[in-house]
Amino acid sequence: YTYFFNLDTVIHSVNIIDSISIEKK
């Protein structure tokens, strides 16, 4: 077995990162 994950939310600061989009949860 391994674990799979369901990504709910990504929160980030905005110093060099402008945005993050979730393409596949």
PDBML (XML) file of the C-alpha atoms, coordinates in Angstrom:
<?xml version="1.0" encoding="UTF-8" ?>
<PDBx:datablock datablockName="MODEL"
   xmlns:PDBx="http://pdbml.pdb.org/schema/pdbx-v50.xsd"
   xmlns:xsi="http://www.w3.org/2001/XMLSchema-instance"
   xsi:schemaLocation="http://pdbml.pdb.org/schema/pdbx-v50.xsd pdbx-v50.xsd">
   <PDBx:atom_siteCategory>
      <PDBx:atom_site id="1">
         <PDBx:B_iso_or_equiv>0.00</PDBx:B_iso_or_equiv>
         <PDBx:Cartn_x>0.000</PDBx:Cartn_x>
         <PDBx:Cartn_y>0.000</PDBx:Cartn_y>
         <PDBx:Cartn_z>0.000</PDBx:Cartn_z>
         <PDBx:auth_asym_id>A</PDBx:auth_asym_id>
         <PDBx:auth_atom_id>CA</PDBx:auth_atom_id>
         <PDBx:auth_comp_id>TYR</PDBx:auth_comp_id>
         <PDBx:auth_seq_id>1</PDBx:auth_seq_id>
         <PDBx:group_PDB>ATOM</PDBx:group_PDB>
         <PDBx:label_alt_id xsi:nil="true" />
         <PDBx:label_asym_id>A</PDBx:label_asym_id>
         <PDBx:label_atom_id>CA</PDBx:label_atom_id>
         <PDBx:label_comp_id>TYR</PDBx:label_comp_id>
         <PDBx:label_entity_id>1</PDBx:label_entity_id>
         <PDBx:label_seq_id>1</PDBx:label_seq_id>
         <PDBx:occupancy>1.00</PDBx:occupancy>
         <PDBx:pdbx_PDB_model_num>1</PDBx:pdbx_PDB_model_num>
         <PDBx:type_symbol>C</PDBx:type_symbol>
      </PDBx:atom_site>
      <PDBx:atom_site id="2">
         <PDBx:B_iso_or_equiv>0.00</PDBx:B_iso_or_equiv>
         <PDBx:Cartn_x>0.794</PDBx:Cartn_x>
         <PDBx:Cartn_y>3.662</PDBx:Cartn_y>
         <PDBx:Cartn_z>-0.358</PDBx:Cartn_z>
         <PDBx:auth_asym_id>A</PDBx:auth_asym_id>
         <PDBx:auth_atom_id>CA</PDBx:auth_atom_id>
         <PDBx:auth_comp_id>THR</PDBx:auth_comp_id>
         <PDBx:auth_seq_id>2</PDBx:auth_seq_id>
         <PDBx:group_PDB>ATOM</PDBx:group_PDB>
         <PDBx:label_alt_id xsi:nil="true" />
         <PDBx:label_asym_id>A</PDBx:label_asym_id>
         <PDBx:label_atom_id>CA</PDBx:label_atom_id>
         <PDBx:label_comp_id>THR</PDBx:label_comp_id>
         <PDBx:label_entity_id>1</PDBx:label_entity_id>
         <PDBx:label_seq_id>2</PDBx:label_seq_id>
         <PDBx:occupancy>1.00</PDBx:occupancy>
         <PDBx:pdbx_PDB_model_num>1</PDBx:pdbx_PDB_model_num>
         <PDBx:type_symbol>C</PDBx:type_symbol>
      </PDBx:atom_site>
      <PDBx:atom_site id="3">
         <PDBx:B_iso_or_equiv>0.00</PDBx:B_iso_or_equiv>
         <PDBx:Cartn_x>-1.291</PDBx:Cartn_x>
         <PDBx:Cartn_y>6.740</PDBx:Cartn_y>
         <PDBx:Cartn_z>0.368</PDBx:Cartn_z>
         <PDBx:auth_asym_id>A</PDBx:auth_asym_id>
         <PDBx:auth_atom_id>CA</PDBx:auth_atom_id>
         <PDBx:auth_comp_id>TYR</PDBx:auth_comp_id>
         <PDBx:auth_seq_id>3</PDBx:auth_seq_id>
         <PDBx:group_PDB>ATOM</PDBx:group_PDB>
         <PDBx:label_alt_id xsi:nil="true" />
         <PDBx:label_asym_id>A</PDBx:label_asym_id>
         <PDBx:label_atom_id>CA</PDBx:label_atom_id>
         <PDBx:label_comp_id>TYR</PDBx:label_comp_id>
         <PDBx:label_entity_id>1</PDBx:label_entity_id>
         <PDBx:label_seq_id>3</PDBx:label_seq_id>
         <PDBx:occupancy>1.00</PDBx:occupancy>
         <PDBx:pdbx_PDB_model_num>1</PDBx:pdbx_PDB_model_num>
         <PDBx:type_symbol>C</PDBx:type_symbol>
      </PDBx:atom_site>
      <PDBx:atom_site id="4">
         <PDBx:B_iso_or_equiv>0.00</PDBx:B_iso_or_equiv>
         <PDBx:Cartn_x>-3.016</PDBx:Cartn_x>
         <PDBx:Cartn_y>8.918</PDBx:Cartn_y>
         <PDBx:Cartn_z>-2.197</PDBx:Cartn_z>
         <PDBx:auth_asym_id>A</PDBx:auth_asym_id>
         <PDBx:auth_atom_id>CA</PDBx:auth_atom_id>
         <PDBx:auth_comp_id>PHE</PDBx:auth_comp_id>
         <PDBx:auth_seq_id>4</PDBx:auth_seq_id>
         <PDBx:group_PDB>ATOM</PDBx:group_PDB>
         <PDBx:label_alt_id xsi:nil="true" />
         <PDBx:label_asym_id>A</PDBx:label_asym_id>
         <PDBx:label_atom_id>CA</PDBx:label_atom_id>
         <PDBx:label_comp_id>PHE</PDBx:label_comp_id>
         <PDBx:label_entity_id>1</PDBx:label_entity_id>
         <PDBx:label_seq_id>4</PDBx:label_seq_id>
         <PDBx:occupancy>1.00</PDBx:occupancy>
         <PDBx:pdbx_PDB_model_num>1</PDBx:pdbx_PDB_model_num>
         <PDBx:type_symbol>C</PDBx:type_symbol>
      </PDBx:atom_site>
      <PDBx:atom_site id="5">
         <PDBx:B_iso_or_equiv>0.00</PDBx:B_iso_or_equiv>
         <PDBx:Cartn_x>-4.107</PDBx:Cartn_x>
         <PDBx:Cartn_y>12.450</PDBx:Cartn_y>
         <PDBx:Cartn_z>-1.293</PDBx:Cartn_z>
         <PDBx:auth_asym_id>A</PDBx:auth_asym_id>
         <PDBx:auth_atom_id>CA</PDBx:auth_atom_id>
         <PDBx:auth_comp_id>PHE</PDBx:auth_comp_id>
         <PDBx:auth_seq_id>5</PDBx:auth_seq_id>
         <PDBx:group_PDB>ATOM</PDBx:group_PDB>
         <PDBx:label_alt_id xsi:nil="true" />
         <PDBx:label_asym_id>A</PDBx:label_asym_id>
         <PDBx:label_atom_id>CA</PDBx:label_atom_id>
         <PDBx:label_comp_id>PHE</PDBx:label_comp_id>
         <PDBx:label_entity_id>1</PDBx:label_entity_id>
         <PDBx:label_seq_id>5</PDBx:label_seq_id>
         <PDBx:occupancy>1.00</PDBx:occupancy>
         <PDBx:pdbx_PDB_model_num>1</PDBx:pdbx_PDB_model_num>
         <PDBx:type_symbol>C</PDBx:type_symbol>
      </PDBx:atom_site>
      <PDBx:atom_site id="6">
         <PDBx:B_iso_or_equiv>0.00</PDBx:B_iso_or_equiv>
         <PDBx:Cartn_x>-6.983</PDBx:Cartn_x>
         <PDBx:Cartn_y>14.786</PDBx:Cartn_y>
         <PDBx:Cartn_z>-2.104</PDBx:Cartn_z>
         <PDBx:auth_asym_id>A</PDBx:auth_asym_id>
         <PDBx:auth_atom_id>CA</PDBx:auth_atom_id>
         <PDBx:auth_comp_id>ASN</PDBx:auth_comp_id>
         <PDBx:auth_seq_id>6</PDBx:auth_seq_id>
         <PDBx:group_PDB>ATOM</PDBx:group_PDB>
         <PDBx:label_alt_id xsi:nil="true" />
         <PDBx:label_asym_id>A</PDBx:label_asym_id>
         <PDBx:label_atom_id>CA</PDBx:label_atom_id>
         <PDBx:label_comp_id>ASN</PDBx:label_comp_id>
         <PDBx:label_entity_id>1</PDBx:label_entity_id>
         <PDBx:label_seq_id>6</PDBx:label_seq_id>
         <PDBx:occupancy>1.00</PDBx:occupancy>
         <PDBx:pdbx_PDB_model_num>1</PDBx:pdbx_PDB_model_num>
         <PDBx:type_symbol>C</PDBx:type_symbol>
      </PDBx:atom_site>
      <PDBx:atom_site id="7">
         <PDBx:B_iso_or_equiv>0.00</PDBx:B_iso_or_equiv>
         <PDBx:Cartn_x>-5.630</PDBx:Cartn_x>
         <PDBx:Cartn_y>18.317</PDBx:Cartn_y>
         <PDBx:Cartn_z>-2.152</PDBx:Cartn_z>
         <PDBx:auth_asym_id>A</PDBx:auth_asym_id>
         <PDBx:auth_atom_id>CA</PDBx:auth_atom_id>
         <PDBx:auth_comp_id>LEU</PDBx:auth_comp_id>
         <PDBx:auth_seq_id>7</PDBx:auth_seq_id>
         <PDBx:group_PDB>ATOM</PDBx:group_PDB>
         <PDBx:label_alt_id xsi:nil="true" />
         <PDBx:label_asym_id>A</PDBx:label_asym_id>
         <PDBx:label_atom_id>CA</PDBx:label_atom_id>
         <PDBx:label_comp_id>LEU</PDBx:label_comp_id>
         <PDBx:label_entity_id>1</PDBx:label_entity_id>
         <PDBx:label_seq_id>7</PDBx:label_seq_id>
         <PDBx:occupancy>1.00</PDBx:occupancy>
         <PDBx:pdbx_PDB_model_num>1</PDBx:pdbx_PDB_model_num>
         <PDBx:type_symbol>C</PDBx:type_symbol>
      </PDBx:atom_site>
      <PDBx:atom_site id="8">
         <PDBx:B_iso_or_equiv>0.00</PDBx:B_iso_or_equiv>
         <PDBx:Cartn_x>-8.121</PDBx:Cartn_x>
         <PDBx:Cartn_y>20.802</PDBx:Cartn_y>
         <PDBx:Cartn_z>-0.758</PDBx:Cartn_z>
         <PDBx:auth_asym_id>A</PDBx:auth_asym_id>
         <PDBx:auth_atom_id>CA</PDBx:auth_atom_id>
         <PDBx:auth_comp_id>ASP</PDBx:auth_comp_id>
         <PDBx:auth_seq_id>8</PDBx:auth_seq_id>
         <PDBx:group_PDB>ATOM</PDBx:group_PDB>
         <PDBx:label_alt_id xsi:nil="true" />
         <PDBx:label_asym_id>A</PDBx:label_asym_id>
         <PDBx:label_atom_id>CA</PDBx:label_atom_id>
         <PDBx:label_comp_id>ASP</PDBx:label_comp_id>
         <PDBx:label_entity_id>1</PDBx:label_entity_id>
         <PDBx:label_seq_id>8</PDBx:label_seq_id>
         <PDBx:occupancy>1.00</PDBx:occupancy>
         <PDBx:pdbx_PDB_model_num>1</PDBx:pdbx_PDB_model_num>
         <PDBx:type_symbol>C</PDBx:type_symbol>
      </PDBx:atom_site>
      <PDBx:atom_site id="9">
         <PDBx:B_iso_or_equiv>0.00</PDBx:B_iso_or_equiv>
         <PDBx:Cartn_x>-6.274</PDBx:Cartn_x>
         <PDBx:Cartn_y>24.117</PDBx:Cartn_y>
         <PDBx:Cartn_z>-0.449</PDBx:Cartn_z>
         <PDBx:auth_asym_id>A</PDBx:auth_asym_id>
         <PDBx:auth_atom_id>CA</PDBx:auth_atom_id>
         <PDBx:auth_comp_id>THR</PDBx:auth_comp_id>
         <PDBx:auth_seq_id>9</PDBx:auth_seq_id>
         <PDBx:group_PDB>ATOM</PDBx:group_PDB>
         <PDBx:label_alt_id xsi:nil="true" />
         <PDBx:label_asym_id>A</PDBx:label_asym_id>
         <PDBx:label_atom_id>CA</PDBx:label_atom_id>
         <PDBx:label_comp_id>THR</PDBx:label_comp_id>
         <PDBx:label_entity_id>1</PDBx:label_entity_id>
         <PDBx:label_seq_id>9</PDBx:label_seq_id>
         <PDBx:occupancy>1.00</PDBx:occupancy>
         <PDBx:pdbx_PDB_model_num>1</PDBx:pdbx_PDB_model_num>
         <PDBx:type_symbol>C</PDBx:type_symbol>
      </PDBx:atom_site>
      <PDBx:atom_site id="10">
         <PDBx:B_iso_or_equiv>0.00</PDBx:B_iso_or_equiv>
         <PDBx:Cartn_x>-2.906</PDBx:Cartn_x>
         <PDBx:Cartn_y>25.717</PDBx:Cartn_y>
         <PDBx:Cartn_z>-1.183</PDBx:Cartn_z>
         <PDBx:auth_asym_id>A</PDBx:auth_asym_id>
         <PDBx:auth_atom_id>CA</PDBx:auth_atom_id>
         <PDBx:auth_comp_id>VAL</PDBx:auth_comp_id>
         <PDBx:auth_seq_id>10</PDBx:auth_seq_id>
         <PDBx:group_PDB>ATOM</PDBx:group_PDB>
         <PDBx:label_alt_id xsi:nil="true" />
         <PDBx:label_asym_id>A</PDBx:label_asym_id>
         <PDBx:label_atom_id>CA</PDBx:label_atom_id>
         <PDBx:label_comp_id>VAL</PDBx:label_comp_id>
         <PDBx:label_entity_id>1</PDBx:label_entity_id>
         <PDBx:label_seq_id>10</PDBx:label_seq_id>
         <PDBx:occupancy>1.00</PDBx:occupancy>
         <PDBx:pdbx_PDB_model_num>1</PDBx:pdbx_PDB_model_num>
         <PDBx:type_symbol>C</PDBx:type_symbol>
      </PDBx:atom_site>
      <PDBx:atom_site id="11">
         <PDBx:B_iso_or_equiv>0.00</PDBx:B_iso_or_equiv>
         <PDBx:Cartn_x>-2.049</PDBx:Cartn_x>
         <PDBx:Cartn_y>28.925</PDBx:Cartn_y>
         <PDBx:Cartn_z>0.677</PDBx:Cartn_z>
         <PDBx:auth_asym_id>A</PDBx:auth_asym_id>
         <PDBx:auth_atom_id>CA</PDBx:auth_atom_id>
         <PDBx:auth_comp_id>ILE</PDBx:auth_comp_id>
         <PDBx:auth_seq_id>11</PDBx:auth_seq_id>
         <PDBx:group_PDB>ATOM</PDBx:group_PDB>
         <PDBx:label_alt_id xsi:nil="true" />
         <PDBx:label_asym_id>A</PDBx:label_asym_id>
         <PDBx:label_atom_id>CA</PDBx:label_atom_id>
         <PDBx:label_comp_id>ILE</PDBx:label_comp_id>
         <PDBx:label_entity_id>1</PDBx:label_entity_id>
         <PDBx:label_seq_id>11</PDBx:label_seq_id>
         <PDBx:occupancy>1.00</PDBx:occupancy>
         <PDBx:pdbx_PDB_model_num>1</PDBx:pdbx_PDB_model_num>
         <PDBx:type_symbol>C</PDBx:type_symbol>
      </PDBx:atom_site>
      <PDBx:atom_site id="12">
         <PDBx:B_iso_or_equiv>0.00</PDBx:B_iso_or_equiv>
         <PDBx:Cartn_x>1.128</PDBx:Cartn_x>
         <PDBx:Cartn_y>30.840</PDBx:Cartn_y>
         <PDBx:Cartn_z>-0.199</PDBx:Cartn_z>
         <PDBx:auth_asym_id>A</PDBx:auth_asym_id>
         <PDBx:auth_atom_id>CA</PDBx:auth_atom_id>
         <PDBx:auth_comp_id>HIS</PDBx:auth_comp_id>
         <PDBx:auth_seq_id>12</PDBx:auth_seq_id>
         <PDBx:group_PDB>ATOM</PDBx:group_PDB>
         <PDBx:label_alt_id xsi:nil="true" />
         <PDBx:label_asym_id>A</PDBx:label_asym_id>
         <PDBx:label_atom_id>CA</PDBx:label_atom_id>
         <PDBx:label_comp_id>HIS</PDBx:label_comp_id>
         <PDBx:label_entity_id>1</PDBx:label_entity_id>
         <PDBx:label_seq_id>12</PDBx:label_seq_id>
         <PDBx:occupancy>1.00</PDBx:occupancy>
         <PDBx:pdbx_PDB_model_num>1</PDBx:pdbx_PDB_model_num>
         <PDBx:type_symbol>C</PDBx:type_symbol>
      </PDBx:atom_site>
      <PDBx:atom_site id="13">
         <PDBx:B_iso_or_equiv>0.00</PDBx:B_iso_or_equiv>
         <PDBx:Cartn_x>2.927</PDBx:Cartn_x>
         <PDBx:Cartn_y>34.093</PDBx:Cartn_y>
         <PDBx:Cartn_z>0.412</PDBx:Cartn_z>
         <PDBx:auth_asym_id>A</PDBx:auth_asym_id>
         <PDBx:auth_atom_id>CA</PDBx:auth_atom_id>
         <PDBx:auth_comp_id>SER</PDBx:auth_comp_id>
         <PDBx:auth_seq_id>13</PDBx:auth_seq_id>
         <PDBx:group_PDB>ATOM</PDBx:group_PDB>
         <PDBx:label_alt_id xsi:nil="true" />
         <PDBx:label_asym_id>A</PDBx:label_asym_id>
         <PDBx:label_atom_id>CA</PDBx:label_atom_id>
         <PDBx:label_comp_id>SER</PDBx:label_comp_id>
         <PDBx:label_entity_id>1</PDBx:label_entity_id>
         <PDBx:label_seq_id>13</PDBx:label_seq_id>
         <PDBx:occupancy>1.00</PDBx:occupancy>
         <PDBx:pdbx_PDB_model_num>1</PDBx:pdbx_PDB_model_num>
         <PDBx:type_symbol>C</PDBx:type_symbol>
      </PDBx:atom_site>
      <PDBx:atom_site id="14">
         <PDBx:B_iso_or_equiv>0.00</PDBx:B_iso_or_equiv>
         <PDBx:Cartn_x>3.531</PDBx:Cartn_x>
         <PDBx:Cartn_y>36.442</PDBx:Cartn_y>
         <PDBx:Cartn_z>-2.539</PDBx:Cartn_z>
         <PDBx:auth_asym_id>A</PDBx:auth_asym_id>
         <PDBx:auth_atom_id>CA</PDBx:auth_atom_id>
         <PDBx:auth_comp_id>VAL</PDBx:auth_comp_id>
         <PDBx:auth_seq_id>14</PDBx:auth_seq_id>
         <PDBx:group_PDB>ATOM</PDBx:group_PDB>
         <PDBx:label_alt_id xsi:nil="true" />
         <PDBx:label_asym_id>A</PDBx:label_asym_id>
         <PDBx:label_atom_id>CA</PDBx:label_atom_id>
         <PDBx:label_comp_id>VAL</PDBx:label_comp_id>
         <PDBx:label_entity_id>1</PDBx:label_entity_id>
         <PDBx:label_seq_id>14</PDBx:label_seq_id>
         <PDBx:occupancy>1.00</PDBx:occupancy>
         <PDBx:pdbx_PDB_model_num>1</PDBx:pdbx_PDB_model_num>
         <PDBx:type_symbol>C</PDBx:type_symbol>
      </PDBx:atom_site>
      <PDBx:atom_site id="15">
         <PDBx:B_iso_or_equiv>0.00</PDBx:B_iso_or_equiv>
         <PDBx:Cartn_x>7.176</PDBx:Cartn_x>
         <PDBx:Cartn_y>37.480</PDBx:Cartn_y>
         <PDBx:Cartn_z>-2.543</PDBx:Cartn_z>
         <PDBx:auth_asym_id>A</PDBx:auth_asym_id>
         <PDBx:auth_atom_id>CA</PDBx:auth_atom_id>
         <PDBx:auth_comp_id>ASN</PDBx:auth_comp_id>
         <PDBx:auth_seq_id>15</PDBx:auth_seq_id>
         <PDBx:group_PDB>ATOM</PDBx:group_PDB>
         <PDBx:label_alt_id xsi:nil="true" />
         <PDBx:label_asym_id>A</PDBx:label_asym_id>
         <PDBx:label_atom_id>CA</PDBx:label_atom_id>
         <PDBx:label_comp_id>ASN</PDBx:label_comp_id>
         <PDBx:label_entity_id>1</PDBx:label_entity_id>
         <PDBx:label_seq_id>15</PDBx:label_seq_id>
         <PDBx:occupancy>1.00</PDBx:occupancy>
         <PDBx:pdbx_PDB_model_num>1</PDBx:pdbx_PDB_model_num>
         <PDBx:type_symbol>C</PDBx:type_symbol>
      </PDBx:atom_site>
      <PDBx:atom_site id="16">
         <PDBx:B_iso_or_equiv>0.00</PDBx:B_iso_or_equiv>
         <PDBx:Cartn_x>8.259</PDBx:Cartn_x>
         <PDBx:Cartn_y>35.900</PDBx:Cartn_y>
         <PDBx:Cartn_z>-5.849</PDBx:Cartn_z>
         <PDBx:auth_asym_id>A</PDBx:auth_asym_id>
         <PDBx:auth_atom_id>CA</PDBx:auth_atom_id>
         <PDBx:auth_comp_id>ILE</PDBx:auth_comp_id>
         <PDBx:auth_seq_id>16</PDBx:auth_seq_id>
         <PDBx:group_PDB>ATOM</PDBx:group_PDB>
         <PDBx:label_alt_id xsi:nil="true" />
         <PDBx:label_asym_id>A</PDBx:label_asym_id>
         <PDBx:label_atom_id>CA</PDBx:label_atom_id>
         <PDBx:label_comp_id>ILE</PDBx:label_comp_id>
         <PDBx:label_entity_id>1</PDBx:label_entity_id>
         <PDBx:label_seq_id>16</PDBx:label_seq_id>
         <PDBx:occupancy>1.00</PDBx:occupancy>
         <PDBx:pdbx_PDB_model_num>1</PDBx:pdbx_PDB_model_num>
         <PDBx:type_symbol>C</PDBx:type_symbol>
      </PDBx:atom_site>
      <PDBx:atom_site id="17">
         <PDBx:B_iso_or_equiv>0.00</PDBx:B_iso_or_equiv>
         <PDBx:Cartn_x>5.273</PDBx:Cartn_x>
         <PDBx:Cartn_y>33.598</PDBx:Cartn_y>
         <PDBx:Cartn_z>-6.315</PDBx:Cartn_z>
         <PDBx:auth_asym_id>A</PDBx:auth_asym_id>
         <PDBx:auth_atom_id>CA</PDBx:auth_atom_id>
         <PDBx:auth_comp_id>ILE</PDBx:auth_comp_id>
         <PDBx:auth_seq_id>17</PDBx:auth_seq_id>
         <PDBx:group_PDB>ATOM</PDBx:group_PDB>
         <PDBx:label_alt_id xsi:nil="true" />
         <PDBx:label_asym_id>A</PDBx:label_asym_id>
         <PDBx:label_atom_id>CA</PDBx:label_atom_id>
         <PDBx:label_comp_id>ILE</PDBx:label_comp_id>
         <PDBx:label_entity_id>1</PDBx:label_entity_id>
         <PDBx:label_seq_id>17</PDBx:label_seq_id>
         <PDBx:occupancy>1.00</PDBx:occupancy>
         <PDBx:pdbx_PDB_model_num>1</PDBx:pdbx_PDB_model_num>
         <PDBx:type_symbol>C</PDBx:type_symbol>
      </PDBx:atom_site>
      <PDBx:atom_site id="18">
         <PDBx:B_iso_or_equiv>0.00</PDBx:B_iso_or_equiv>
         <PDBx:Cartn_x>2.376</PDBx:Cartn_x>
         <PDBx:Cartn_y>35.384</PDBx:Cartn_y>
         <PDBx:Cartn_z>-7.975</PDBx:Cartn_z>
         <PDBx:auth_asym_id>A</PDBx:auth_asym_id>
         <PDBx:auth_atom_id>CA</PDBx:auth_atom_id>
         <PDBx:auth_comp_id>ASP</PDBx:auth_comp_id>
         <PDBx:auth_seq_id>18</PDBx:auth_seq_id>
         <PDBx:group_PDB>ATOM</PDBx:group_PDB>
         <PDBx:label_alt_id xsi:nil="true" />
         <PDBx:label_asym_id>A</PDBx:label_asym_id>
         <PDBx:label_atom_id>CA</PDBx:label_atom_id>
         <PDBx:label_comp_id>ASP</PDBx:label_comp_id>
         <PDBx:label_entity_id>1</PDBx:label_entity_id>
         <PDBx:label_seq_id>18</PDBx:label_seq_id>
         <PDBx:occupancy>1.00</PDBx:occupancy>
         <PDBx:pdbx_PDB_model_num>1</PDBx:pdbx_PDB_model_num>
         <PDBx:type_symbol>C</PDBx:type_symbol>
      </PDBx:atom_site>
      <PDBx:atom_site id="19">
         <PDBx:B_iso_or_equiv>0.00</PDBx:B_iso_or_equiv>
         <PDBx:Cartn_x>-0.130</PDBx:Cartn_x>
         <PDBx:Cartn_y>32.547</PDBx:Cartn_y>
         <PDBx:Cartn_z>-7.866</PDBx:Cartn_z>
         <PDBx:auth_asym_id>A</PDBx:auth_asym_id>
         <PDBx:auth_atom_id>CA</PDBx:auth_atom_id>
         <PDBx:auth_comp_id>SER</PDBx:auth_comp_id>
         <PDBx:auth_seq_id>19</PDBx:auth_seq_id>
         <PDBx:group_PDB>ATOM</PDBx:group_PDB>
         <PDBx:label_alt_id xsi:nil="true" />
         <PDBx:label_asym_id>A</PDBx:label_asym_id>
         <PDBx:label_atom_id>CA</PDBx:label_atom_id>
         <PDBx:label_comp_id>SER</PDBx:label_comp_id>
         <PDBx:label_entity_id>1</PDBx:label_entity_id>
         <PDBx:label_seq_id>19</PDBx:label_seq_id>
         <PDBx:occupancy>1.00</PDBx:occupancy>
         <PDBx:pdbx_PDB_model_num>1</PDBx:pdbx_PDB_model_num>
         <PDBx:type_symbol>C</PDBx:type_symbol>
      </PDBx:atom_site>
      <PDBx:atom_site id="20">
         <PDBx:B_iso_or_equiv>0.00</PDBx:B_iso_or_equiv>
         <PDBx:Cartn_x>-0.556</PDBx:Cartn_x>
         <PDBx:Cartn_y>28.777</PDBx:Cartn_y>
         <PDBx:Cartn_z>-7.652</PDBx:Cartn_z>
         <PDBx:auth_asym_id>A</PDBx:auth_asym_id>
         <PDBx:auth_atom_id>CA</PDBx:auth_atom_id>
         <PDBx:auth_comp_id>ILE</PDBx:auth_comp_id>
         <PDBx:auth_seq_id>20</PDBx:auth_seq_id>
         <PDBx:group_PDB>ATOM</PDBx:group_PDB>
         <PDBx:label_alt_id xsi:nil="true" />
         <PDBx:label_asym_id>A</PDBx:label_asym_id>
         <PDBx:label_atom_id>CA</PDBx:label_atom_id>
         <PDBx:label_comp_id>ILE</PDBx:label_comp_id>
         <PDBx:label_entity_id>1</PDBx:label_entity_id>
         <PDBx:label_seq_id>20</PDBx:label_seq_id>
         <PDBx:occupancy>1.00</PDBx:occupancy>
         <PDBx:pdbx_PDB_model_num>1</PDBx:pdbx_PDB_model_num>
         <PDBx:type_symbol>C</PDBx:type_symbol>
      </PDBx:atom_site>
      <PDBx:atom_site id="21">
         <PDBx:B_iso_or_equiv>0.00</PDBx:B_iso_or_equiv>
         <PDBx:Cartn_x>-3.294</PDBx:Cartn_x>
         <PDBx:Cartn_y>26.943</PDBx:Cartn_y>
         <PDBx:Cartn_z>-9.494</PDBx:Cartn_z>
         <PDBx:auth_asym_id>A</PDBx:auth_asym_id>
         <PDBx:auth_atom_id>CA</PDBx:auth_atom_id>
         <PDBx:auth_comp_id>SER</PDBx:auth_comp_id>
         <PDBx:auth_seq_id>21</PDBx:auth_seq_id>
         <PDBx:group_PDB>ATOM</PDBx:group_PDB>
         <PDBx:label_alt_id xsi:nil="true" />
         <PDBx:label_asym_id>A</PDBx:label_asym_id>
         <PDBx:label_atom_id>CA</PDBx:label_atom_id>
         <PDBx:label_comp_id>SER</PDBx:label_comp_id>
         <PDBx:label_entity_id>1</PDBx:label_entity_id>
         <PDBx:label_seq_id>21</PDBx:label_seq_id>
         <PDBx:occupancy>1.00</PDBx:occupancy>
         <PDBx:pdbx_PDB_model_num>1</PDBx:pdbx_PDB_model_num>
         <PDBx:type_symbol>C</PDBx:type_symbol>
      </PDBx:atom_site>
      <PDBx:atom_site id="22">
         <PDBx:B_iso_or_equiv>0.00</PDBx:B_iso_or_equiv>
         <PDBx:Cartn_x>-4.440</PDBx:Cartn_x>
         <PDBx:Cartn_y>23.449</PDBx:Cartn_y>
         <PDBx:Cartn_z>-8.592</PDBx:Cartn_z>
         <PDBx:auth_asym_id>A</PDBx:auth_asym_id>
         <PDBx:auth_atom_id>CA</PDBx:auth_atom_id>
         <PDBx:auth_comp_id>ILE</PDBx:auth_comp_id>
         <PDBx:auth_seq_id>22</PDBx:auth_seq_id>
         <PDBx:group_PDB>ATOM</PDBx:group_PDB>
         <PDBx:label_alt_id xsi:nil="true" />
         <PDBx:label_asym_id>A</PDBx:label_asym_id>
         <PDBx:label_atom_id>CA</PDBx:label_atom_id>
         <PDBx:label_comp_id>ILE</PDBx:label_comp_id>
         <PDBx:label_entity_id>1</PDBx:label_entity_id>
         <PDBx:label_seq_id>22</PDBx:label_seq_id>
         <PDBx:occupancy>1.00</PDBx:occupancy>
         <PDBx:pdbx_PDB_model_num>1</PDBx:pdbx_PDB_model_num>
         <PDBx:type_symbol>C</PDBx:type_symbol>
      </PDBx:atom_site>
      <PDBx:atom_site id="23">
         <PDBx:B_iso_or_equiv>0.00</PDBx:B_iso_or_equiv>
         <PDBx:Cartn_x>-4.584</PDBx:Cartn_x>
         <PDBx:Cartn_y>21.467</PDBx:Cartn_y>
         <PDBx:Cartn_z>-11.834</PDBx:Cartn_z>
         <PDBx:auth_asym_id>A</PDBx:auth_asym_id>
         <PDBx:auth_atom_id>CA</PDBx:auth_atom_id>
         <PDBx:auth_comp_id>GLU</PDBx:auth_comp_id>
         <PDBx:auth_seq_id>23</PDBx:auth_seq_id>
         <PDBx:group_PDB>ATOM</PDBx:group_PDB>
         <PDBx:label_alt_id xsi:nil="true" />
         <PDBx:label_asym_id>A</PDBx:label_asym_id>
         <PDBx:label_atom_id>CA</PDBx:label_atom_id>
         <PDBx:label_comp_id>GLU</PDBx:label_comp_id>
         <PDBx:label_entity_id>1</PDBx:label_entity_id>
         <PDBx:label_seq_id>23</PDBx:label_seq_id>
         <PDBx:occupancy>1.00</PDBx:occupancy>
         <PDBx:pdbx_PDB_model_num>1</PDBx:pdbx_PDB_model_num>
         <PDBx:type_symbol>C</PDBx:type_symbol>
      </PDBx:atom_site>
      <PDBx:atom_site id="24">
         <PDBx:B_iso_or_equiv>0.00</PDBx:B_iso_or_equiv>
         <PDBx:Cartn_x>-5.333</PDBx:Cartn_x>
         <PDBx:Cartn_y>18.041</PDBx:Cartn_y>
         <PDBx:Cartn_z>-10.408</PDBx:Cartn_z>
         <PDBx:auth_asym_id>A</PDBx:auth_asym_id>
         <PDBx:auth_atom_id>CA</PDBx:auth_atom_id>
         <PDBx:auth_comp_id>LYS</PDBx:auth_comp_id>
         <PDBx:auth_seq_id>24</PDBx:auth_seq_id>
         <PDBx:group_PDB>ATOM</PDBx:group_PDB>
         <PDBx:label_alt_id xsi:nil="true" />
         <PDBx:label_asym_id>A</PDBx:label_asym_id>
         <PDBx:label_atom_id>CA</PDBx:label_atom_id>
         <PDBx:label_comp_id>LYS</PDBx:label_comp_id>
         <PDBx:label_entity_id>1</PDBx:label_entity_id>
         <PDBx:label_seq_id>24</PDBx:label_seq_id>
         <PDBx:occupancy>1.00</PDBx:occupancy>
         <PDBx:pdbx_PDB_model_num>1</PDBx:pdbx_PDB_model_num>
         <PDBx:type_symbol>C</PDBx:type_symbol>
      </PDBx:atom_site>
      <PDBx:atom_site id="25">
         <PDBx:B_iso_or_equiv>0.00</PDBx:B_iso_or_equiv>
         <PDBx:Cartn_x>-6.537</PDBx:Cartn_x>
         <PDBx:Cartn_y>17.661</PDBx:Cartn_y>
         <PDBx:Cartn_z>-6.820</PDBx:Cartn_z>
         <PDBx:auth_asym_id>A</PDBx:auth_asym_id>
         <PDBx:auth_atom_id>CA</PDBx:auth_atom_id>
         <PDBx:auth_comp_id>LYS</PDBx:auth_comp_id>
         <PDBx:auth_seq_id>25</PDBx:auth_seq_id>
         <PDBx:group_PDB>ATOM</PDBx:group_PDB>
         <PDBx:label_alt_id xsi:nil="true" />
         <PDBx:label_asym_id>A</PDBx:label_asym_id>
         <PDBx:label_atom_id>CA</PDBx:label_atom_id>
         <PDBx:label_comp_id>LYS</PDBx:label_comp_id>
         <PDBx:label_entity_id>1</PDBx:label_entity_id>
         <PDBx:label_seq_id>25</PDBx:label_seq_id>
         <PDBx:occupancy>1.00</PDBx:occupancy>
         <PDBx:pdbx_PDB_model_num>1</PDBx:pdbx_PDB_model_num>
         <PDBx:type_symbol>C</PDBx:type_symbol>
      </PDBx:atom_site>
   </PDBx:atom_siteCategory>
</PDBx:datablock>
